[in-house]
Structure formats: structure tokens, C-alpha cells
C-alpha atoms as a PDB file:
ATOM      1  CA  UNK A   1     120.286 108.085 104.313  1.00  0.00           C
ATOM      2  CA  UNK A   2     121.230 111.958 104.155  1.00  0.00           C
ATOM      3  CA  UNK A   3     119.474 112.435 107.348  1.00  0.00           C
ATOM      4  CA  UNK A   4     117.555 110.549 110.143  1.00  0.00           C
ATOM      5  CA  UNK A   5     113.962 110.102 109.486  1.00  0.00           C
ATOM      6  CA  UNK A   6     111.215 110.375 111.886  1.00  0.00           C
ATOM      7  CA  UNK A   7     109.533 107.397 113.546  1.00  0.00           C
ATOM      8  CA  UNK A   8     106.906 106.053 111.467  1.00  0.00           C
ATOM      9  CA  UNK A   9     103.593 105.358 112.885  1.00  0.00           C
ATOM     10  CA  UNK A  10     102.455 101.810 112.477  1.00  0.00           C
ATOM     11  CA  UNK A  11     100.041 102.125 109.542  1.00  0.00           C
ATOM     12  CA  UNK A  12     102.853 104.007 107.516  1.00  0.00           C
ATOM     13  CA  UNK A  13     105.217 100.922 108.532  1.00  0.00           C
ATOM     14  CA  UNK A  14     102.561  98.797 107.089  1.00  0.00           C
ATOM     15  CA  UNK A  15     101.814 100.588 103.796  1.00  0.00           C
ATOM     16  CA  UNK A  16     105.723 101.021 102.905  1.00  0.00           C
ATOM     17  CA  UNK A  17     106.064  97.279 103.762  1.00  0.00           C
ATOM     18  CA  UNK A  18     103.064  96.487 101.316  1.00  0.00           C
ATOM     19  CA  UNK A  19     104.677  98.547  98.177  1.00  0.00           C
ATOM     20  CA  UNK A  20     107.806  97.054  98.569  1.00  0.00           C
ATOM     21  CA  UNK A  21     106.031  93.580  98.698  1.00  0.00           C
ATOM     22  CA  UNK A  22     103.939  93.755  96.050  1.00  0.00           C
ATOM     23  CA  UNK A  23     106.488  95.282  93.786  1.00  0.00           C
ATOM     24  CA  UNK A  24     108.062  91.853  93.815  1.00  0.00           C
ATOM     25  CA  UNK A  25     105.278  89.752  94.196  1.00  0.00           C
ATOM     26  CA  UNK A  26     102.698  90.862  91.921  1.00  0.00           C
ATOM     27  CA  UNK A  27     104.449  93.242  89.267  1.00  0.00           C
ATOM     28  CA  UNK A  28     101.900  93.344  86.697  1.00  0.00           C
ATOM     29  CA  UNK A  29      99.334  95.314  89.144  1.00  0.00           C
ATOM     30  CA  UNK A  30     102.091  97.639  90.868  1.00  0.00           C
ATOM     31  CA  UNK A  31     102.040 100.692  91.509  1.00  0.00           C
ATOM     32  CA  UNK A  32      99.182 100.022  93.649  1.00  0.00           C
ATOM     33  CA  UNK A  33      95.865 101.765  93.443  1.00  0.00           C
ATOM     34  CA  UNK A  34      94.587 103.120  96.900  1.00  0.00           C
ATOM     35  CA  UNK A  35      92.056  99.919  96.874  1.00  0.00           C
ATOM     36  CA  UNK A  36      94.666  97.631  96.246  1.00  0.00           C
ATOM     37  CA  UNK A  37      96.931  99.219  98.990  1.00  0.00           C
ATOM     38  CA  UNK A  38      94.394  98.985 101.676  1.00  0.00           C
ATOM     39  CA  UNK A  39      93.530  95.391 101.045  1.00  0.00           C
ATOM     40  CA  UNK A  40      97.455  94.649 101.191  1.00  0.00           C
ATOM     41  CA  UNK A  41      97.559  96.574 104.731  1.00  0.00           C
ATOM     42  CA  UNK A  42      94.533  94.370 105.716  1.00  0.00           C
ATOM     43  CA  UNK A  43      95.457  91.002 104.690  1.00  0.00           C
ATOM     44  CA  UNK A  44      94.704  88.412 107.455  1.00  0.00           C
ATOM     45  CA  UNK A  45      97.553  86.345 106.556  1.00  0.00           C
ATOM     46  CA  UNK A  46     101.390  87.222 106.427  1.00  0.00           C
ATOM     47  CA  UNK A  47     100.841  90.089 108.672  1.00  0.00           C
ATOM     48  CA  UNK A  48     101.774  90.880 112.082  1.00  0.00           C
ATOM     49  CA  UNK A  49      99.537  92.151 113.862  1.00  0.00           C
ATOM     50  CA  UNK A  50      96.776  92.201 111.736  1.00  0.00           C
ATOM     51  CA  UNK A  51      95.174  95.980 110.872  1.00  0.00           C
ATOM     52  CA  UNK A  52      91.709  97.210 109.911  1.00  0.00           C
ATOM     53  CA  UNK A  53      92.361 100.164 108.060  1.00  0.00           C
ATOM     54  CA  UNK A  54      90.135 102.290 106.323  1.00  0.00           C
ATOM     55  CA  UNK A  55      91.146 103.806 102.438  1.00  0.00           C
ATOM     56  CA  UNK A  56      90.924 107.516 104.441  1.00  0.00           C
ATOM     57  CA  UNK A  57      93.811 106.118 107.206  1.00  0.00           C
ATOM     58  CA  UNK A  58      95.733 104.570 104.396  1.00  0.00           C
ATOM     59  CA  UNK A  59      95.812 107.864 102.426  1.00  0.00           C
ATOM     60  CA  UNK A  60      96.865 109.816 105.775  1.00  0.00           C
ATOM     61  CA  UNK A  61      99.432 107.430 106.078  1.00  0.00           C
ATOM     62  CA  UNK A  62     100.423 107.818 102.362  1.00  0.00           C
ATOM     63  CA  UNK A  63     100.727 111.556 102.884  1.00  0.00           C
ATOM     64  CA  UNK A  64     103.158 111.283 105.657  1.00  0.00           C
ATOM     65  CA  UNK A  65     105.265 108.866 103.534  1.00  0.00           C
ATOM     66  CA  UNK A  66     105.181 111.216 100.687  1.00  0.00           C
ATOM     67  CA  UNK A  67     106.558 113.920 103.132  1.00  0.00           C
ATOM     68  CA  UNK A  68     109.271 111.894 103.529  1.00  0.00           C
ATOM     69  CA  UNK A  69     109.915 111.043  99.990  1.00  0.00           C
ATOM     70  CA  UNK A  70     109.275 107.342 100.957  1.00  0.00           C
ATOM     71  CA  UNK A  71     106.195 107.175  98.556  1.00  0.00           C
ATOM     72  CA  UNK A  72     105.541 108.741  95.410  1.00  0.00           C
ATOM     73  CA  UNK A  73     102.460 109.361  93.195  1.00  0.00           C
ATOM     74  CA  UNK A  74     103.230 106.831  89.991  1.00  0.00           C
ATOM     75  CA  UNK A  75     103.147 109.119  86.964  1.00  0.00           C
ATOM     76  CA  UNK A  76     100.952 108.142  83.614  1.00  0.00           C
ATOM     77  CA  UNK A  77      97.898 106.639  85.119  1.00  0.00           C
ATOM     78  CA  UNK A  78      94.301 107.548  85.220  1.00  0.00           C
ATOM     79  CA  UNK A  79      93.508 105.992  88.593  1.00  0.00           C
ATOM     80  CA  UNK A  80      95.896 107.734  91.388  1.00  0.00           C
ATOM     81  CA  UNK A  81      98.561 104.964  91.938  1.00  0.00           C
ATOM     82  CA  UNK A  82     101.396 104.650  94.547  1.00  0.00           C
ATOM     83  CA  UNK A  83     105.287 103.405  94.640  1.00  0.00           C
ATOM     84  CA  UNK A  84     107.772 103.438  97.146  1.00  0.00           C
ATOM     85  CA  UNK A  85     110.942 104.929  97.228  1.00  0.00           C
ATOM     86  CA  UNK A  86     112.457 102.835 100.172  1.00  0.00           C
ATOM     87  CA  UNK A  87     115.662 101.584  98.715  1.00  0.00           C
ATOM     88  CA  UNK A  88     117.068 105.132  97.784  1.00  0.00           C
ATOM     89  CA  UNK A  89     115.950 107.412 100.501  1.00  0.00           C
ATOM     90  CA  UNK A  90     117.338 104.816 103.286  1.00  0.00           C
ATOM     91  CA  UNK A  91     120.243 103.895 100.696  1.00  0.00           C
ATOM     92  CA  UNK A  92     119.876 100.077 101.371  1.00  0.00           C
ATOM     93  CA  UNK A  93     120.597  97.120  98.836  1.00  0.00           C
ATOM     94  CA  UNK A  94     117.823  94.602  97.801  1.00  0.00           C
ATOM     95  CA  UNK A  95     118.548  92.166 100.048  1.00  0.00           C
ATOM     96  CA  UNK A  96     118.415  94.239 103.065  1.00  0.00           C
ATOM     97  CA  UNK A  97     115.346  95.987 101.555  1.00  0.00           C
ATOM     98  CA  UNK A  98     113.474  92.470 101.748  1.00  0.00           C
ATOM     99  CA  UNK A  99     114.533  91.362 105.264  1.00  0.00           C
ATOM    100  CA  UNK A 100     113.459  95.011 106.445  1.00  0.00           C
ATOM    101  CA  UNK A 101     110.063  94.869 104.515  1.00  0.00           C
ATOM    102  CA  UNK A 102     109.317  91.217 105.876  1.00  0.00           C
ATOM    103  CA  UNK A 103     109.931  92.935 109.402  1.00  0.00           C
ATOM    104  CA  UNK A 104     107.562  95.481 108.612  1.00  0.00           C
ATOM    105  CA  UNK A 105     104.915  93.415 107.701  1.00  0.00           C
ATOM    106  CA  UNK A 106     105.375  90.434 109.989  1.00  0.00           C
ATOM    107  CA  UNK A 107     107.224  91.893 113.297  1.00  0.00           C
ATOM    108  CA  UNK A 108     110.109  90.184 114.952  1.00  0.00           C
ATOM    109  CA  UNK A 109     111.423  87.050 113.504  1.00  0.00           C
ATOM    110  CA  UNK A 110     114.361  85.040 113.854  1.00  0.00           C
ATOM    111  CA  UNK A 111     117.204  84.652 110.751  1.00  0.00           C
ATOM    112  CA  UNK A 112     115.545  81.284 109.626  1.00  0.00           C
ATOM    113  CA  UNK A 113     111.848  82.689 109.699  1.00  0.00           C
ATOM    114  CA  UNK A 114     113.205  85.753 107.805  1.00  0.00           C
ATOM    115  CA  UNK A 115     114.977  83.717 105.283  1.00  0.00           C
ATOM    116  CA  UNK A 116     111.842  81.512 104.533  1.00  0.00           C
ATOM    117  CA  UNK A 117     109.302  84.477 104.708  1.00  0.00           C
ATOM    118  CA  UNK A 118     111.458  86.687 102.162  1.00  0.00           C
ATOM    119  CA  UNK A 119     111.841  83.988  99.722  1.00  0.00           C
ATOM    120  CA  UNK A 120     109.466  85.668  97.075  1.00  0.00           C
ATOM    121  CA  UNK A 121     111.231  88.996  97.674  1.00  0.00           C
ATOM    122  CA  UNK A 122     115.038  87.645  97.653  1.00  0.00           C
ATOM    123  CA  UNK A 123     116.690  84.096  98.034  1.00  0.00           C
ATOM    124  CA  UNK A 124     119.113  83.928 100.560  1.00  0.00           C
ATOM    125  CA  UNK A 125     122.064  81.364 100.337  1.00  0.00           C
ATOM    126  CA  UNK A 126     121.542  80.358 104.016  1.00  0.00           C
ATOM    127  CA  UNK A 127     120.658  82.003 107.182  1.00  0.00           C
ATOM    128  CA  UNK A 128     124.361  83.409 107.898  1.00  0.00           C
ATOM    129  CA  UNK A 129     123.766  85.924 104.891  1.00  0.00           C
ATOM    130  CA  UNK A 130     120.442  86.714 106.543  1.00  0.00           C
ATOM    131  CA  UNK A 131     122.457  87.676 109.444  1.00  0.00           C
ATOM    132  CA  UNK A 132     125.147  89.525 107.958  1.00  0.00           C
ATOM    133  CA  UNK A 133     122.520  91.709 106.168  1.00  0.00           C
ATOM    134  CA  UNK A 134     120.725  92.064 109.536  1.00  0.00           C
ATOM    135  CA  UNK A 135     124.176  93.060 111.159  1.00  0.00           C
ATOM    136  CA  UNK A 136     124.732  95.810 108.563  1.00  0.00           C
ATOM    137  CA  UNK A 137     121.442  97.144 109.112  1.00  0.00           C
ATOM    138  CA  UNK A 138     121.667  97.270 112.832  1.00  0.00           C
ATOM    139  CA  UNK A 139     125.227  98.910 112.847  1.00  0.00           C
ATOM    140  CA  UNK A 140     123.774 102.066 110.644  1.00  0.00           C
ATOM    141  CA  UNK A 141     123.465 105.050 112.619  1.00  0.00           C
ATOM    142  CA  UNK A 142     120.310 105.392 113.207  1.00  0.00           C
ATOM    143  CA  UNK A 143     120.098 101.572 113.252  1.00  0.00           C
ATOM    144  CA  UNK A 144     117.213 100.126 111.426  1.00  0.00           C
ATOM    145  CA  UNK A 145     116.823  96.868 113.050  1.00  0.00           C
ATOM    146  CA  UNK A 146     117.784  95.579 116.497  1.00  0.00           C
ATOM    147  CA  UNK A 147     118.346  91.744 117.800  1.00  0.00           C
ATOM    148  CA  UNK A 148     116.158  90.864 120.600  1.00  0.00           C
ATOM    149  CA  UNK A 149     117.586  89.048 123.409  1.00  0.00           C
ATOM    150  CA  UNK A 150     116.749  85.316 123.660  1.00  0.00           C
ATOM    151  CA  UNK A 151     113.366  84.334 125.088  1.00  0.00           C
ATOM    152  CA  UNK A 152     112.634  82.039 127.538  1.00  0.00           C
ATOM    153  CA  UNK A 153     112.221  78.545 125.985  1.00  0.00           C
ATOM    154  CA  UNK A 154     113.808  79.474 122.628  1.00  0.00           C
ATOM    155  CA  UNK A 155     117.142  78.976 120.958  1.00  0.00           C
ATOM    156  CA  UNK A 156     117.388  81.389 118.266  1.00  0.00           C
ATOM    157  CA  UNK A 157     117.107  85.454 118.771  1.00  0.00           C
ATOM    158  CA  UNK A 158     114.354  87.460 116.989  1.00  0.00           C
ATOM    159  CA  UNK A 159     115.040  90.636 115.091  1.00  0.00           C
ATOM    160  CA  UNK A 160     113.016  93.691 114.825  1.00  0.00           C
ATOM    161  CA  UNK A 161     112.562  96.762 113.004  1.00  0.00           C
ATOM    162  CA  UNK A 162     113.362 100.163 114.229  1.00  0.00           C
ATOM    163  CA  UNK A 163     111.197 102.377 111.747  1.00  0.00           C
ATOM    164  CA  UNK A 164     108.667 103.194 114.298  1.00  0.00           C
ATOM    165  CA  UNK A 165     111.284 103.765 117.259  1.00  0.00           C
ATOM    166  CA  UNK A 166     112.751 101.859 120.171  1.00  0.00           C
ATOM    167  CA  UNK A 167     110.778  98.863 121.088  1.00  0.00           C
ATOM    168  CA  UNK A 168     110.070  97.534 124.443  1.00  0.00           C
ATOM    169  CA  UNK A 169     110.875  93.936 124.559  1.00  0.00           C
ATOM    170  CA  UNK A 170     108.220  92.619 127.108  1.00  0.00           C
ATOM    171  CA  UNK A 171     105.730  94.385 124.822  1.00  0.00           C
ATOM    172  CA  UNK A 172     106.895  92.557 122.018  1.00  0.00           C
ATOM    173  CA  UNK A 173     106.625  89.452 123.783  1.00  0.00           C
ATOM    174  CA  UNK A 174     103.019  90.314 124.998  1.00  0.00           C
ATOM    175  CA  UNK A 175     101.924  91.223 121.733  1.00  0.00           C
ATOM    176  CA  UNK A 176     102.810  88.132 120.394  1.00  0.00           C
ATOM    177  CA  UNK A 177     101.371  85.914 122.723  1.00  0.00           C
ATOM    178  CA  UNK A 178      98.190  87.556 122.336  1.00  0.00           C
ATOM    179  CA  UNK A 179      98.206  87.203 118.613  1.00  0.00           C
ATOM    180  CA  UNK A 180      98.785  83.224 119.131  1.00  0.00           C
ATOM    181  CA  UNK A 181      96.066  82.923 121.515  1.00  0.00           C
ATOM    182  CA  UNK A 182      93.607  85.009 119.551  1.00  0.00           C
ATOM    183  CA  UNK A 183      94.598  83.662 116.123  1.00  0.00           C
ATOM    184  CA  UNK A 184      91.531  81.174 114.551  1.00  0.00           C
ATOM    185  CA  UNK A 185      92.950  77.688 114.400  1.00  0.00           C
ATOM    186  CA  UNK A 186      91.754  77.430 110.852  1.00  0.00           C
ATOM    187  CA  UNK A 187      94.230  80.370 109.922  1.00  0.00           C
ATOM    188  CA  UNK A 188      96.727  78.592 111.890  1.00  0.00           C
ATOM    189  CA  UNK A 189      96.690  75.441 110.053  1.00  0.00           C
ATOM    190  CA  UNK A 190      95.758  77.101 106.501  1.00  0.00           C
ATOM    191  CA  UNK A 191      99.314  78.736 106.872  1.00  0.00           C
ATOM    192  CA  UNK A 192     101.041  75.377 108.228  1.00  0.00           C
ATOM    193  CA  UNK A 193      99.415  73.850 105.104  1.00  0.00           C
ATOM    194  CA  UNK A 194     100.632  76.678 102.934  1.00  0.00           C
ATOM    195  CA  UNK A 195     104.431  76.056 104.140  1.00  0.00           C
ATOM    196  CA  UNK A 196     103.974  72.342 103.463  1.00  0.00           C
ATOM    197  CA  UNK A 197     102.926  73.028  99.996  1.00  0.00           C
ATOM    198  CA  UNK A 198     105.935  75.341  99.355  1.00  0.00           C
ATOM    199  CA  UNK A 199     108.127  72.716 100.529  1.00  0.00           C
ATOM    200  CA  UNK A 200     106.842  70.045  98.362  1.00  0.00           C
ATOM    201  CA  UNK A 201     107.115  72.595  95.489  1.00  0.00           C
ATOM    202  CA  UNK A 202     110.522  73.406  96.154  1.00  0.00           C
ATOM    203  CA  UNK A 203     111.758  69.916  96.209  1.00  0.00           C
ATOM    204  CA  UNK A 204     109.616  69.212  93.054  1.00  0.00           C
ATOM    205  CA  UNK A 205     111.550  72.016  91.321  1.00  0.00           C
ATOM    206  CA  UNK A 206     114.811  70.842  93.196  1.00  0.00           C
ATOM    207  CA  UNK A 207     114.570  67.275  91.422  1.00  0.00           C
ATOM    208  CA  UNK A 208     113.594  68.794  88.076  1.00  0.00           C
ATOM    209  CA  UNK A 209     116.751  70.911  87.983  1.00  0.00           C
ATOM    210  CA  UNK A 210     118.928  67.927  89.523  1.00  0.00           C
ATOM    211  CA  UNK A 211     117.473  65.930  86.604  1.00  0.00           C
ATOM    212  CA  UNK A 212     118.097  68.148  83.849  1.00  0.00           C
ATOM    213  CA  UNK A 213     121.565  68.995  84.990  1.00  0.00           C
ATOM    214  CA  UNK A 214     122.208  65.106  85.060  1.00  0.00           C
ATOM    215  CA  UNK A 215     121.026  64.649  81.511  1.00  0.00           C
ATOM    216  CA  UNK A 216     123.483  67.308  80.202  1.00  0.00           C
ATOM    217  CA  UNK A 217     126.194  66.319  82.076  1.00  0.00           C
ATOM    218  CA  UNK A 218     126.367  69.239  84.669  1.00  0.00           C
ATOM    219  CA  UNK A 219     127.150  69.137  88.389  1.00  0.00           C
ATOM    220  CA  UNK A 220     124.785  70.216  91.050  1.00  0.00           C
ATOM    221  CA  UNK A 221     126.047  71.761  93.982  1.00  0.00           C
ATOM    222  CA  UNK A 222     123.385  70.815  96.751  1.00  0.00           C
ATOM    223  CA  UNK A 223     123.036  73.750  99.413  1.00  0.00           C
ATOM    224  CA  UNK A 224     124.369  72.954 102.730  1.00  0.00           C
ATOM    225  CA  UNK A 225     122.065  72.446 105.829  1.00  0.00           C
ATOM    226  CA  UNK A 226     122.057  75.197 108.296  1.00  0.00           C
END
């Protein structure tokens, strides 16, 4: 960054995260219209906290991000669409952008959680590579992320972004506990089912690759477990 950015509002952070996410996951519909961007901000899954923003509120957030050059109007479109400029403004590589995006969208997470949740944005080889990029983001001036102290009963530290300013450890813990208590059980079960489905799909694809490699006489090195 050429100069420090002001702190983002929670909705500005959500808008920025959605634009980066959708660029990678649904490139055919990117840049996003206001309607699509609002829907992405208000998703009930893969978001923490869950929001209920109006199009007018999202448009105000877009205007704020434009003044920081983080968001731009897309050219050559009858319907106004928006695209992000985060990598260039922050001066970060795509790997770091993927991790920062997931933190913007899902809140505090461990390196292992980030590796899993960022898989559609970037495939990290292992948790240590995730940690390495996080450490780089934390070492910047000003820092973009910070490692939180280990919570009672947990073995791994969580990371949190600083795009909206300094964070209170107590407030972060309270917010997560409140969300877990209020989350519909059906939604939690759906997330667990989706995680299991993705795991089975990865296992199937791995088996297919190994079989094809064996037929071609190409050795395949299995990734080491973390």
C-alpha cells in the first residue's frame, strides 16, 4: 500500500470480500450487479456474521470503497457492475488475497479452517503455507491480520483481519458464541453435509488421478498429512 487505508465499515468489508470471492467462484457473472452483490452480502451460509443489508446500504458501501480505489465500476455494460481492485491497492499476491477474503467473509479462523474454506480461491499445499502467508500479512505496516491468543479448550490459534480496525478478543469470542447458539440446527447440519460431500468428491478425484497416473506410468506423490 502506498498509504494506510482508513478502517472499513463491516458492510464495506463484506462487499469487498464478496467481490473477490465471486470473481474466482462464478467468473461468468463477474463483475457483479448491485442485486447480485447484495445477495452475496446477505448469504446465510459461508458468512459470519450473517447480514441483512439493503441495496441502498450496499450502494453506500460501494461508494466508500470507490473513494479508496478498492472498488471500480466495470466498463462496457448496460447494467452497472462492480469489480474489486484489492490486490493492487493492498499490494498482496493472490494467495494472501484468498486468505484475507475468507477472513473478511467468515470471521476468525484457524489456519486449517482457512485452508479448507479458501480451497475454491487458492489451493494451499498444507497448513504451514497458509501460516506463512498469514505471517506476511501480519508483519506489514499497518498489519492486515493478527493471530489471536488460543481460546480456552482450543489447541489452535485463530486469525482475524484488521481491515475494520483493532479487534477485541472478548468481543470476538462473545460474537462467535452468540452465533453458535442462534444458528439453526438445520443450517449447521447442512454445512456438515456439504463438507462431507466435498471431502468425498476430493477423494474420488484423487483416486481417479492416481488410476490415470498408474496407467501412464507416472508416479504420484500423496500430500503429507498435517
